[in-house]
Amino acid sequence: MVNKNRNIMGLNGITGFLLATVGLVVTVLALAYLAYTTQVKNSTNFYEVVNAKDIKSGIGGNGSKRSDHIIDVK
């Protein structure tokens, strides 16, 4: 049996290859953009440590919480 419905522009041919390539490139660019915006957002978000002398080590479950000593400046 010969498959007479084959053609070069089928989704499993060049078109499928181009769709997969464009999809991967768009995904990589979107992830890179999200990584960049996250980096910019976090690099400008400063914090201040308060009561630094009261920070406990946390050994034995007696440690202090991070939120008790770190305050966002923004």
N, C-alpha and C. Protein backbone atom coordinates (compact mmCIF):
# COMPACT_ATOMS: atom_id res chain seq x y z
N MET A 1 0.83 -1.18 0.00
CA MET A 1 0.00 0.00 0.00
C MET A 1 0.87 1.25 0.00
N VAL A 2 0.53 2.18 -0.80
CA VAL A 2 1.28 3.42 -0.91
C VAL A 2 0.43 4.54 -0.30
N ASN A 3 1.04 5.33 0.55
CA ASN A 3 0.33 6.45 1.16
C ASN A 3 0.43 7.64 0.21
N LYS A 4 -0.66 7.98 -0.44
CA LYS A 4 -0.66 9.07 -1.42
C LYS A 4 -0.97 10.41 -0.78
N ASN A 5 -1.22 10.45 0.53
CA ASN A 5 -1.55 11.70 1.20
C ASN A 5 -0.33 12.37 1.80
N ARG A 6 0.87 11.88 1.53
CA ARG A 6 2.08 12.49 2.09
C ARG A 6 2.42 13.77 1.32
N ASN A 7 2.92 14.74 2.04
CA ASN A 7 3.43 15.95 1.38
C ASN A 7 4.48 16.59 2.27
N ILE A 8 5.25 17.47 1.72
CA ILE A 8 6.36 18.07 2.47
C ILE A 8 5.86 19.10 3.49
N MET A 9 4.67 19.62 3.33
CA MET A 9 4.16 20.63 4.25
C MET A 9 3.23 20.02 5.30
N GLY A 10 3.25 18.73 5.50
CA GLY A 10 2.46 18.08 6.54
C GLY A 10 3.02 18.46 7.91
N LEU A 11 2.22 18.28 8.96
CA LEU A 11 2.66 18.66 10.29
C LEU A 11 3.81 17.81 10.80
N ASN A 12 4.07 16.70 10.16
CA ASN A 12 5.21 15.89 10.57
C ASN A 12 6.41 16.15 9.66
N GLY A 13 6.32 17.15 8.84
CA GLY A 13 7.42 17.50 7.95
C GLY A 13 8.06 18.81 8.37
N ILE A 14 8.28 19.65 7.39
CA ILE A 14 8.93 20.94 7.65
C ILE A 14 8.07 21.83 8.55
N THR A 15 6.78 21.82 8.36
CA THR A 15 5.89 22.64 9.19
C THR A 15 5.95 22.22 10.65
N GLY A 16 5.94 20.93 10.89
CA GLY A 16 6.05 20.44 12.26
C GLY A 16 7.37 20.82 12.89
N PHE A 17 8.44 20.74 12.12
CA PHE A 17 9.76 21.13 12.61
C PHE A 17 9.78 22.62 12.94
N LEU A 18 9.22 23.44 12.08
CA LEU A 18 9.19 24.89 12.33
C LEU A 18 8.31 25.23 13.54
N LEU A 19 7.17 24.55 13.68
CA LEU A 19 6.32 24.80 14.83
C LEU A 19 7.02 24.42 16.13
N ALA A 20 7.70 23.29 16.14
CA ALA A 20 8.42 22.87 17.33
C ALA A 20 9.56 23.83 17.66
N THR A 21 10.29 24.26 16.64
CA THR A 21 11.40 25.18 16.84
C THR A 21 10.91 26.53 17.35
N VAL A 22 9.87 27.07 16.75
CA VAL A 22 9.32 28.35 17.19
C VAL A 22 8.77 28.22 18.61
N GLY A 23 8.11 27.12 18.90
CA GLY A 23 7.59 26.90 20.25
C GLY A 23 8.70 26.86 21.29
N LEU A 24 9.78 26.16 21.00
CA LEU A 24 10.90 26.10 21.93
C LEU A 24 11.58 27.45 22.10
N VAL A 25 11.76 28.18 21.01
CA VAL A 25 12.39 29.50 21.09
C VAL A 25 11.52 30.46 21.91
N VAL A 26 10.23 30.43 21.69
CA VAL A 26 9.32 31.30 22.45
C VAL A 26 9.36 30.93 23.93
N THR A 27 9.40 29.65 24.24
CA THR A 27 9.47 29.21 25.63
C THR A 27 10.76 29.67 26.29
N VAL A 28 11.87 29.51 25.62
CA VAL A 28 13.16 29.94 26.17
C VAL A 28 13.20 31.45 26.37
N LEU A 29 12.69 32.20 25.41
CA LEU A 29 12.68 33.66 25.54
C LEU A 29 11.76 34.10 26.67
N ALA A 30 10.62 33.45 26.83
CA ALA A 30 9.70 33.81 27.91
C ALA A 30 10.33 33.53 29.27
N LEU A 31 11.00 32.38 29.42
CA LEU A 31 11.66 32.07 30.68
C LEU A 31 12.82 33.01 30.96
N ALA A 32 13.55 33.39 29.93
CA ALA A 32 14.66 34.34 30.10
C ALA A 32 14.12 35.71 30.52
N TYR A 33 13.01 36.13 29.94
CA TYR A 33 12.41 37.41 30.31
C TYR A 33 11.92 37.39 31.75
N LEU A 34 11.28 36.30 32.15
CA LEU A 34 10.82 36.19 33.53
C LEU A 34 12.00 36.17 34.51
N ALA A 35 13.08 35.50 34.14
CA ALA A 35 14.27 35.49 35.00
C ALA A 35 14.86 36.89 35.11
N TYR A 36 14.90 37.62 34.01
CA TYR A 36 15.43 38.99 34.03
C TYR A 36 14.57 39.91 34.90
N THR A 37 13.27 39.85 34.73
CA THR A 37 12.41 40.74 35.52
C THR A 37 12.47 40.39 37.01
N THR A 38 12.59 39.10 37.32
CA THR A 38 12.73 38.69 38.72
C THR A 38 14.04 39.20 39.30
N GLN A 39 15.10 39.14 38.51
CA GLN A 39 16.41 39.62 38.95
C GLN A 39 16.37 41.12 39.22
N VAL A 40 15.75 41.88 38.33
CA VAL A 40 15.67 43.32 38.49
C VAL A 40 14.83 43.67 39.71
N LYS A 41 13.72 42.97 39.89
CA LYS A 41 12.83 43.24 41.02
C LYS A 41 13.54 42.95 42.35
N ASN A 42 14.27 41.85 42.42
CA ASN A 42 14.93 41.49 43.67
C ASN A 42 16.20 42.31 43.92
N SER A 43 16.83 42.82 42.88
CA SER A 43 18.04 43.60 43.09
C SER A 43 17.74 44.99 43.61
N THR A 44 16.52 45.44 43.45
CA THR A 44 16.16 46.76 43.96
C THR A 44 15.30 46.68 45.22
N ASN A 45 15.09 45.48 45.73
CA ASN A 45 14.28 45.30 46.93
C ASN A 45 15.22 45.09 48.13
N PHE A 46 15.52 46.16 48.82
CA PHE A 46 16.46 46.09 49.92
C PHE A 46 15.73 45.73 51.21
N TYR A 47 16.47 45.19 52.15
CA TYR A 47 15.89 44.87 53.44
C TYR A 47 16.84 45.32 54.53
N GLU A 48 16.31 45.42 55.71
CA GLU A 48 17.08 45.88 56.85
C GLU A 48 16.97 44.85 57.97
N VAL A 49 18.10 44.54 58.59
CA VAL A 49 18.11 43.60 59.70
C VAL A 49 17.98 44.41 60.99
N VAL A 50 16.97 44.10 61.78
CA VAL A 50 16.76 44.79 63.05
C VAL A 50 16.95 43.78 64.19
N ASN A 51 17.34 44.27 65.33
CA ASN A 51 17.59 43.43 66.51
C ASN A 51 18.56 42.30 66.20
N ALA A 52 19.68 42.63 65.58
CA ALA A 52 20.64 41.60 65.16
C ALA A 52 21.24 40.86 66.36
N LYS A 53 21.32 41.52 67.48
CA LYS A 53 21.91 40.86 68.66
C LYS A 53 20.94 39.88 69.30
N ASP A 54 19.67 39.96 68.96
CA ASP A 54 18.67 39.06 69.54
C ASP A 54 18.41 37.82 68.68
N ILE A 55 19.12 37.67 67.57
CA ILE A 55 18.90 36.52 66.69
C ILE A 55 19.47 35.27 67.36
N LYS A 56 18.63 34.25 67.46
CA LYS A 56 19.04 33.00 68.09
C LYS A 56 19.40 31.99 67.01
N SER A 57 20.20 31.00 67.38
CA SER A 57 20.72 30.06 66.39
C SER A 57 19.69 29.07 65.89
N GLY A 58 18.70 28.75 66.65
CA GLY A 58 17.70 27.80 66.22
C GLY A 58 18.01 26.38 66.63
N ILE A 59 19.10 26.17 67.34
CA ILE A 59 19.44 24.83 67.80
C ILE A 59 18.49 24.45 68.94
N GLY A 60 17.89 23.30 68.83
CA GLY A 60 16.97 22.83 69.86
C GLY A 60 15.58 23.41 69.72
N GLY A 61 15.28 24.04 68.60
CA GLY A 61 13.95 24.58 68.37
C GLY A 61 13.69 25.91 69.04
N ASN A 62 14.72 26.53 69.60
CA ASN A 62 14.55 27.80 70.29
C ASN A 62 14.96 29.00 69.44
N GLY A 63 15.08 28.81 68.14
CA GLY A 63 15.53 29.88 67.26
C GLY A 63 14.48 30.93 67.02
N SER A 64 14.93 32.06 66.53
CA SER A 64 13.99 33.13 66.22
C SER A 64 13.59 33.03 64.75
N LYS A 65 12.41 33.54 64.45
CA LYS A 65 11.92 33.50 63.09
C LYS A 65 12.60 34.58 62.26
N ARG A 66 12.75 34.30 60.98
CA ARG A 66 13.37 35.26 60.07
C ARG A 66 12.55 36.54 59.99
N SER A 67 11.25 36.40 60.02
CA SER A 67 10.38 37.56 59.86
C SER A 67 10.46 38.51 61.06
N ASP A 68 11.00 38.04 62.19
CA ASP A 68 11.15 38.91 63.34
C ASP A 68 12.31 39.90 63.18
N HIS A 69 13.23 39.61 62.28
CA HIS A 69 14.45 40.40 62.21
C HIS A 69 14.72 41.05 60.85
N ILE A 70 13.97 40.70 59.83
CA ILE A 70 14.20 41.26 58.50
C ILE A 70 12.96 42.05 58.06
N ILE A 71 13.19 43.30 57.69
CA ILE A 71 12.09 44.19 57.29
C ILE A 71 12.39 44.70 55.89
N ASP A 72 11.38 44.64 55.00
CA ASP A 72 11.53 45.23 53.66
C ASP A 72 11.58 46.74 53.77
N VAL A 73 12.54 47.33 53.08
CA VAL A 73 12.66 48.78 53.10
C VAL A 73 11.62 49.41 52.19
N LYS A 74 11.32 48.76 51.08
CA LYS A 74 10.33 49.30 50.14
C LYS A 74 8.94 49.19 50.70
